[in-house]
């Protein structure tokens, strides 16, 4: 509702009240009473939103800190020593809840999953501060990921998300829903995540896959194109290259392999990928040179021979014997 509209009606009614007929007065009063009711509803809704924001603001701050020998070991990744120290420390109240969080994560990083569960569950049941509960639920989510129990992990990450939203928990929920083939939900979380963390290439990779599964192919290629320029790991770039190859986007696959080469050097897989895709875009001379380089590294490689066999059906220059 436009504030100026009802204010104008109110001011005009006050000025002309004595000149209005009874029916006109009733009409104006009816309109203003209805408007007042709507404004009251909006005010109540606004007040509730403000209270929610105040609560969320408080959830992001914890005025209790806990540092000890055990937390020091934890911070320098000496998790076995952290476990030993944290088990023997005896703080009370909120400090003890924080100690148990450290202990749970130390057990988790030491792959002691059954022992990790107990401190996390205790904190979830006992803690009153939302931020402490948030991290305990994250711990249980990570624990279930390690156990490949994706549905259970999703439940705990969702509980953490409802307590307070962080980029990590948004990304984890995206991964969980992606793993469960729930691509629409996964897409929602990845879209939120890449808005907040636009430099994460792997998130764009997963977002592109979600778009593709929802038949949003232009959006998928847009996300994957962004991912090519952000990804750094060989595994992620190779995975994206395979997707590009499979869908016939060989020039995009070449960009992926060239980025692997730039970041990690020239491996046999990179030479093979470049050679194969160069051939498929018609760059025959460069493809042949790359195949020769690859064969010089491993002349008996079955995958190289298979690719050459397929290409030689249309061009004898790709026959294995001709390249030896």
Protein backbone atom coordinates (compact mmCIF):
# COMPACT_ATOMS: atom_id res chain seq x y z
CA UNK A 1 0.00 0.00 0.00
CA UNK A 2 1.28 3.45 -0.96
CA UNK A 3 1.62 5.56 2.21
CA UNK A 4 0.92 8.77 0.29
CA UNK A 5 -2.44 7.40 -0.92
CA UNK A 6 -4.09 6.79 2.44
CA UNK A 7 -2.49 9.90 3.96
CA UNK A 8 -3.93 11.96 1.14
CA UNK A 9 -7.39 10.43 1.70
CA UNK A 10 -7.14 11.07 5.46
CA UNK A 11 -6.09 14.70 5.06
CA UNK A 12 -8.73 15.37 2.42
CA UNK A 13 -11.44 13.74 4.56
CA UNK A 14 -10.51 15.84 7.59
CA UNK A 15 -10.66 19.04 5.56
CA UNK A 16 -14.00 18.29 3.89
CA UNK A 17 -15.67 16.27 6.65
CA UNK A 18 -18.47 18.72 7.30
CA UNK A 19 -19.21 18.98 3.58
CA UNK A 20 -19.52 15.21 3.04
CA UNK A 21 -22.85 13.42 2.99
CA UNK A 22 -23.49 10.71 5.55
CA UNK A 23 -22.90 7.96 2.99
CA UNK A 24 -19.64 9.60 1.86
CA UNK A 25 -18.49 9.90 5.47
CA UNK A 26 -19.23 6.18 6.05
CA UNK A 27 -17.38 5.30 2.85
CA UNK A 28 -14.28 7.27 3.88
CA UNK A 29 -14.38 5.84 7.42
CA UNK A 30 -14.72 2.31 6.09
CA UNK A 31 -11.70 2.81 3.83
CA UNK A 32 -9.58 4.31 6.63
CA UNK A 33 -10.57 1.58 9.12
CA UNK A 34 -9.66 -1.11 6.60
CA UNK A 35 -6.40 0.68 5.92
CA UNK A 36 -5.67 0.92 9.66
CA UNK A 37 -6.18 -2.83 10.02
CA UNK A 38 -3.80 -3.56 7.15
CA UNK A 39 -1.21 -1.18 8.59
CA UNK A 40 -1.52 -2.88 11.98
CA UNK A 41 -0.95 -6.29 10.37
CA UNK A 42 2.10 -4.94 8.57
CA UNK A 43 3.42 -3.40 11.78
CA UNK A 44 3.02 -6.72 13.63
CA UNK A 45 4.80 -8.57 10.81
CA UNK A 46 7.58 -5.98 10.77
CA UNK A 47 8.00 -6.23 14.55
CA UNK A 48 8.27 -10.04 14.31
CA UNK A 49 10.91 -9.74 11.57
CA UNK A 50 12.88 -7.28 13.68
CA UNK A 51 12.78 -9.66 16.64
CA UNK A 52 13.97 -12.53 14.42
CA UNK A 53 16.86 -10.42 13.15
CA UNK A 54 17.77 -9.45 16.71
CA UNK A 55 17.85 -13.15 17.62
CA UNK A 56 19.98 -14.00 14.59
CA UNK A 57 22.34 -11.14 15.46
CA UNK A 58 22.79 -12.56 18.97
CA UNK A 59 23.31 -16.07 17.55
CA UNK A 60 26.46 -14.95 15.71
CA UNK A 61 28.27 -13.88 18.84
CA UNK A 62 29.59 -15.99 21.67
CA UNK A 63 31.01 -14.10 24.62
CA UNK A 64 32.66 -17.21 26.10
CA UNK A 65 35.99 -18.49 24.81
CA UNK A 66 37.98 -21.53 25.76
CA UNK A 67 41.71 -21.92 25.22
CA UNK A 68 43.85 -24.66 26.70
CA UNK A 69 46.66 -27.06 25.98
CA UNK A 70 44.18 -29.25 24.12
CA UNK A 71 42.85 -26.44 21.91
CA UNK A 72 46.43 -25.39 21.14
CA UNK A 73 47.24 -28.92 19.91
CA UNK A 74 44.02 -28.84 17.87
CA UNK A 75 44.90 -25.53 16.19
CA UNK A 76 48.22 -26.94 14.96
CA UNK A 77 46.59 -30.16 13.66
CA UNK A 78 48.06 -32.41 16.37
CA UNK A 79 44.73 -34.15 16.88
CA UNK A 80 45.92 -37.24 18.78
CA UNK A 81 47.64 -35.02 21.35
CA UNK A 82 44.56 -32.77 21.41
CA UNK A 83 42.34 -35.74 22.26
CA UNK A 84 44.59 -36.79 25.14
CA UNK A 85 44.71 -33.26 26.58
CA UNK A 86 41.04 -32.37 26.08
CA UNK A 87 39.84 -35.56 27.76
CA UNK A 88 41.64 -34.58 30.96
CA UNK A 89 40.60 -30.93 31.09
CA UNK A 90 37.76 -30.03 33.48
CA UNK A 91 36.13 -26.69 32.65
CA UNK A 92 32.49 -26.03 33.54
CA UNK A 93 29.41 -24.55 31.89
CA UNK A 94 29.75 -23.11 28.41
CA UNK A 95 33.52 -23.64 28.44
CA UNK A 96 32.94 -27.37 28.89
CA UNK A 97 30.55 -27.41 25.93
CA UNK A 98 33.23 -25.75 23.78
CA UNK A 99 35.82 -28.25 25.06
CA UNK A 100 33.53 -31.10 23.99
CA UNK A 101 33.19 -29.57 20.53
CA UNK A 102 36.97 -29.53 20.18
CA UNK A 103 37.13 -33.11 21.44
CA UNK A 104 34.48 -34.29 19.00
CA UNK A 105 36.24 -32.75 16.01
CA UNK A 106 39.62 -34.06 17.18
CA UNK A 107 38.18 -37.59 17.33
CA UNK A 108 36.62 -37.03 13.89
CA UNK A 109 39.93 -35.98 12.32
CA UNK A 110 41.56 -39.02 13.94
CA UNK A 111 38.91 -41.24 12.25
CA UNK A 112 37.56 -42.35 15.65
CA UNK A 113 33.95 -42.00 14.58
CA UNK A 114 32.15 -43.74 17.45
CA UNK A 115 34.03 -41.67 19.99
CA UNK A 116 33.38 -38.47 18.04
CA UNK A 117 29.61 -38.98 18.20
CA UNK A 118 29.26 -38.82 22.00
CA UNK A 119 30.54 -35.24 22.63
CA UNK A 120 28.57 -33.86 19.69
CA UNK A 121 25.30 -35.45 20.84
CA UNK A 122 25.91 -34.27 24.40
CA UNK A 123 26.38 -30.67 23.25
CA UNK A 124 23.27 -30.78 21.04
CA UNK A 125 21.19 -31.92 24.03
CA UNK A 126 22.68 -29.65 26.69
CA UNK A 127 23.87 -26.42 25.04
CA UNK A 128 21.61 -23.38 25.13
CA UNK A 129 23.56 -21.04 22.87
CA UNK A 130 22.47 -21.47 19.20
CA UNK A 131 26.01 -21.06 17.86
CA UNK A 132 27.34 -23.93 19.99
CA UNK A 133 24.43 -26.15 18.91
CA UNK A 134 25.13 -25.10 15.32
CA UNK A 135 28.69 -26.43 15.41
CA UNK A 136 27.66 -29.62 17.20
CA UNK A 137 25.17 -30.33 14.41
CA UNK A 138 27.87 -29.59 11.83
CA UNK A 139 30.08 -32.10 13.62
CA UNK A 140 27.37 -34.77 13.40
CA UNK A 141 26.81 -33.88 9.74
CA UNK A 142 30.52 -34.26 8.94
CA UNK A 143 30.61 -37.52 10.90
CA UNK A 144 27.78 -38.98 8.84
CA UNK A 145 29.46 -37.81 5.62
CA UNK A 146 32.55 -39.78 6.66
CA UNK A 147 30.30 -42.81 7.23
CA UNK A 148 28.65 -42.23 3.81
CA UNK A 149 25.28 -41.76 5.52
CA UNK A 150 24.21 -38.84 3.34
CA UNK A 151 20.55 -38.64 4.38
CA UNK A 152 21.50 -38.49 8.08
CA UNK A 153 24.17 -35.89 7.32
CA UNK A 154 21.59 -33.76 5.51
CA UNK A 155 19.34 -33.76 8.58
CA UNK A 156 22.13 -32.46 10.82
CA UNK A 157 23.36 -29.86 8.33
CA UNK A 158 19.78 -28.64 7.96
CA UNK A 159 19.51 -28.26 11.76
CA UNK A 160 22.74 -26.29 11.76
CA UNK A 161 21.46 -24.13 8.91
CA UNK A 162 18.25 -23.33 10.78
CA UNK A 163 20.24 -22.22 13.82
CA UNK A 164 22.51 -19.91 11.85
CA UNK A 165 23.48 -19.83 8.19
CA UNK A 166 27.15 -19.96 7.22
CA UNK A 167 28.77 -20.46 3.82
CA UNK A 168 30.16 -23.84 4.89
CA UNK A 169 26.80 -25.28 5.91
CA UNK A 170 25.14 -23.91 2.74
CA UNK A 171 27.81 -25.64 0.61
CA UNK A 172 27.49 -28.88 2.59
CA UNK A 173 23.72 -28.93 2.09
CA UNK A 174 24.26 -28.40 -1.63
CA UNK A 175 26.65 -31.36 -1.76
CA UNK A 176 24.27 -33.56 0.26
CA UNK A 177 21.25 -32.86 -1.93
CA UNK A 178 23.44 -33.29 -5.04
CA UNK A 179 24.57 -36.69 -3.75
CA UNK A 180 20.93 -37.65 -3.16
CA UNK A 181 20.07 -36.62 -6.77
CA UNK A 182 17.80 -33.89 -5.42
CA UNK A 183 19.09 -31.38 -7.94
CA UNK A 184 16.47 -28.67 -7.50
CA UNK A 185 17.24 -28.34 -3.77
CA UNK A 186 20.97 -28.63 -4.41
CA UNK A 187 20.78 -25.86 -7.01
CA UNK A 188 19.15 -23.49 -4.52
CA UNK A 189 21.98 -23.91 -2.03
CA UNK A 190 24.75 -23.73 -4.66
CA UNK A 191 23.23 -20.55 -6.12
CA UNK A 192 23.27 -18.98 -2.66
CA UNK A 193 26.82 -20.20 -2.05
CA UNK A 194 28.36 -18.91 -5.30
CA UNK A 195 26.73 -15.53 -4.68
CA UNK A 196 28.59 -15.35 -1.37
CA UNK A 197 31.77 -17.18 -2.50
CA UNK A 198 32.14 -16.39 -6.23
CA UNK A 199 35.73 -17.67 -6.40
CA UNK A 200 34.83 -21.34 -5.68
CA UNK A 201 35.16 -23.20 -8.98
CA UNK A 202 33.99 -26.55 -7.62
CA UNK A 203 30.70 -25.01 -6.50
CA UNK A 204 30.15 -23.69 -10.04
CA UNK A 205 30.94 -27.18 -11.36
CA UNK A 206 28.24 -28.75 -9.16
CA UNK A 207 25.82 -25.92 -9.90
CA UNK A 208 26.29 -26.53 -13.61
CA UNK A 209 25.49 -30.21 -13.16
CA UNK A 210 22.31 -29.32 -11.24
CA UNK A 211 21.23 -26.97 -14.03
CA UNK A 212 21.90 -29.69 -16.61
CA UNK A 213 19.79 -32.24 -14.74
CA UNK A 214 16.95 -29.71 -14.65
CA UNK A 215 17.25 -29.19 -18.44
CA UNK A 216 18.60 -25.65 -17.96
CA UNK A 217 21.41 -26.26 -20.43
CA UNK A 218 22.37 -22.64 -21.13
CA UNK A 219 22.68 -21.97 -17.41
CA UNK A 220 24.72 -25.17 -17.04
CA UNK A 221 27.27 -24.13 -19.65
CA UNK A 222 27.47 -20.66 -18.17
CA UNK A 223 28.31 -22.16 -14.76
CA UNK A 224 30.83 -24.61 -16.26
CA UNK A 225 32.51 -21.87 -18.28
CA UNK A 226 32.98 -19.92 -15.07
CA UNK A 227 34.29 -23.06 -13.35
CA UNK A 228 37.00 -23.60 -15.99
CA UNK A 229 38.65 -20.30 -15.04
CA UNK A 230 38.40 -20.95 -11.30
CA UNK A 231 39.18 -24.63 -10.83
CA UNK A 232 42.70 -25.60 -9.82
CA UNK A 233 42.70 -29.31 -8.98
CA UNK A 234 43.51 -31.88 -11.63
CA UNK A 235 40.58 -34.07 -10.56
CA UNK A 236 37.97 -31.32 -10.89
CA UNK A 237 39.28 -30.03 -14.22
CA UNK A 238 39.49 -33.55 -15.65
CA UNK A 239 35.92 -34.26 -14.52
CA UNK A 240 34.72 -31.08 -16.24
CA UNK A 241 36.71 -31.98 -19.36
CA UNK A 242 34.97 -35.37 -19.54
CA UNK A 243 31.55 -33.67 -19.29
CA UNK A 244 32.51 -31.28 -22.10
CA UNK A 245 33.73 -34.16 -24.27
CA UNK A 246 30.61 -36.22 -23.64
CA UNK A 247 28.34 -33.40 -24.78
CA UNK A 248 30.46 -32.55 -27.81
CA UNK A 249 31.97 -29.32 -26.47
CA UNK A 250 35.52 -30.24 -27.45
CA UNK A 251 36.93 -26.72 -27.44
CA UNK A 252 35.79 -26.31 -23.83
CA UNK A 253 37.44 -29.64 -23.00
CA UNK A 254 40.67 -28.36 -24.55
CA UNK A 255 40.51 -25.30 -22.27
CA UNK A 256 40.16 -27.63 -19.26
CA UNK A 257 43.21 -29.70 -20.23
CA UNK A 258 45.25 -26.60 -21.01
CA UNK A 259 44.44 -25.26 -17.54
CA UNK A 260 45.58 -28.57 -16.00
CA UNK A 261 48.79 -28.29 -18.02
CA UNK A 262 49.28 -24.69 -16.87
CA UNK A 263 48.68 -25.51 -13.21
CA UNK A 264 50.12 -29.02 -12.84
CA UNK A 265 52.33 -29.77 -15.83
CA UNK A 266 52.05 -32.12 -18.78
CA UNK A 267 50.96 -35.62 -17.80
CA UNK A 268 50.04 -38.54 -20.06
CA UNK A 269 46.33 -37.95 -19.38
CA UNK A 270 46.62 -34.28 -20.34
CA UNK A 271 48.47 -35.11 -23.58
CA UNK A 272 45.89 -37.77 -24.44
CA UNK A 273 42.95 -35.45 -23.66
CA UNK A 274 44.41 -32.60 -25.69
CA UNK A 275 45.32 -34.87 -28.60
CA UNK A 276 41.86 -36.46 -28.71
CA UNK A 277 39.93 -33.19 -28.59
CA UNK A 278 42.27 -31.42 -31.01
CA UNK A 279 41.52 -34.18 -33.53
CA UNK A 280 37.77 -33.79 -33.01
CA UNK A 281 37.86 -30.02 -33.66
CA UNK A 282 39.87 -30.60 -36.86
CA UNK A 283 43.28 -29.51 -35.62
CA UNK A 284 44.90 -32.63 -37.05
CA UNK A 285 48.56 -31.58 -37.13
CA UNK A 286 48.68 -30.52 -33.48
CA UNK A 287 46.73 -33.62 -32.51
CA UNK A 288 49.27 -35.88 -34.20
CA UNK A 289 52.15 -34.13 -32.42
CA UNK A 290 50.43 -34.57 -29.07
CA UNK A 291 49.75 -38.25 -29.72
CA UNK A 292 53.43 -38.71 -30.56
CA UNK A 293 54.42 -37.05 -27.27
CA UNK A 294 52.02 -39.26 -25.38
CA UNK A 295 53.30 -42.43 -27.08
CA UNK A 296 56.86 -41.42 -26.24
CA UNK A 297 55.85 -41.62 -22.58
CA UNK A 298 53.97 -44.92 -22.87
CA UNK A 299 53.96 -46.65 -26.26
CA UNK A 300 51.87 -49.57 -24.93
CA UNK A 301 49.07 -47.52 -23.38
CA UNK A 302 45.76 -49.22 -24.24
CA UNK A 303 43.68 -46.04 -24.06
CA UNK A 304 45.96 -44.25 -26.52
CA UNK A 305 45.75 -47.18 -28.93
CA UNK A 306 41.96 -47.26 -28.61
CA UNK A 307 41.66 -43.54 -29.45
CA UNK A 308 44.01 -43.86 -32.42
CA UNK A 309 42.13 -46.89 -33.68
CA UNK A 310 38.86 -44.97 -33.65
CA UNK A 311 40.35 -41.88 -35.33
CA UNK A 312 42.18 -43.94 -37.98
CA UNK A 313 38.84 -45.19 -39.31
CA UNK A 314 38.34 -41.76 -40.90
CA UNK A 315 41.99 -40.75 -41.38
CA UNK A 316 44.84 -43.26 -41.95
CA UNK A 317 47.36 -40.73 -40.59
CA UNK A 318 46.14 -41.64 -37.09
CA UNK A 319 47.09 -45.30 -37.47
CA UNK A 320 49.23 -46.41 -34.55
CA UNK A 321 51.91 -47.81 -36.85
CA UNK A 322 52.26 -44.47 -38.65
CA UNK A 323 53.09 -42.72 -35.38
CA UNK A 324 55.66 -45.17 -34.05
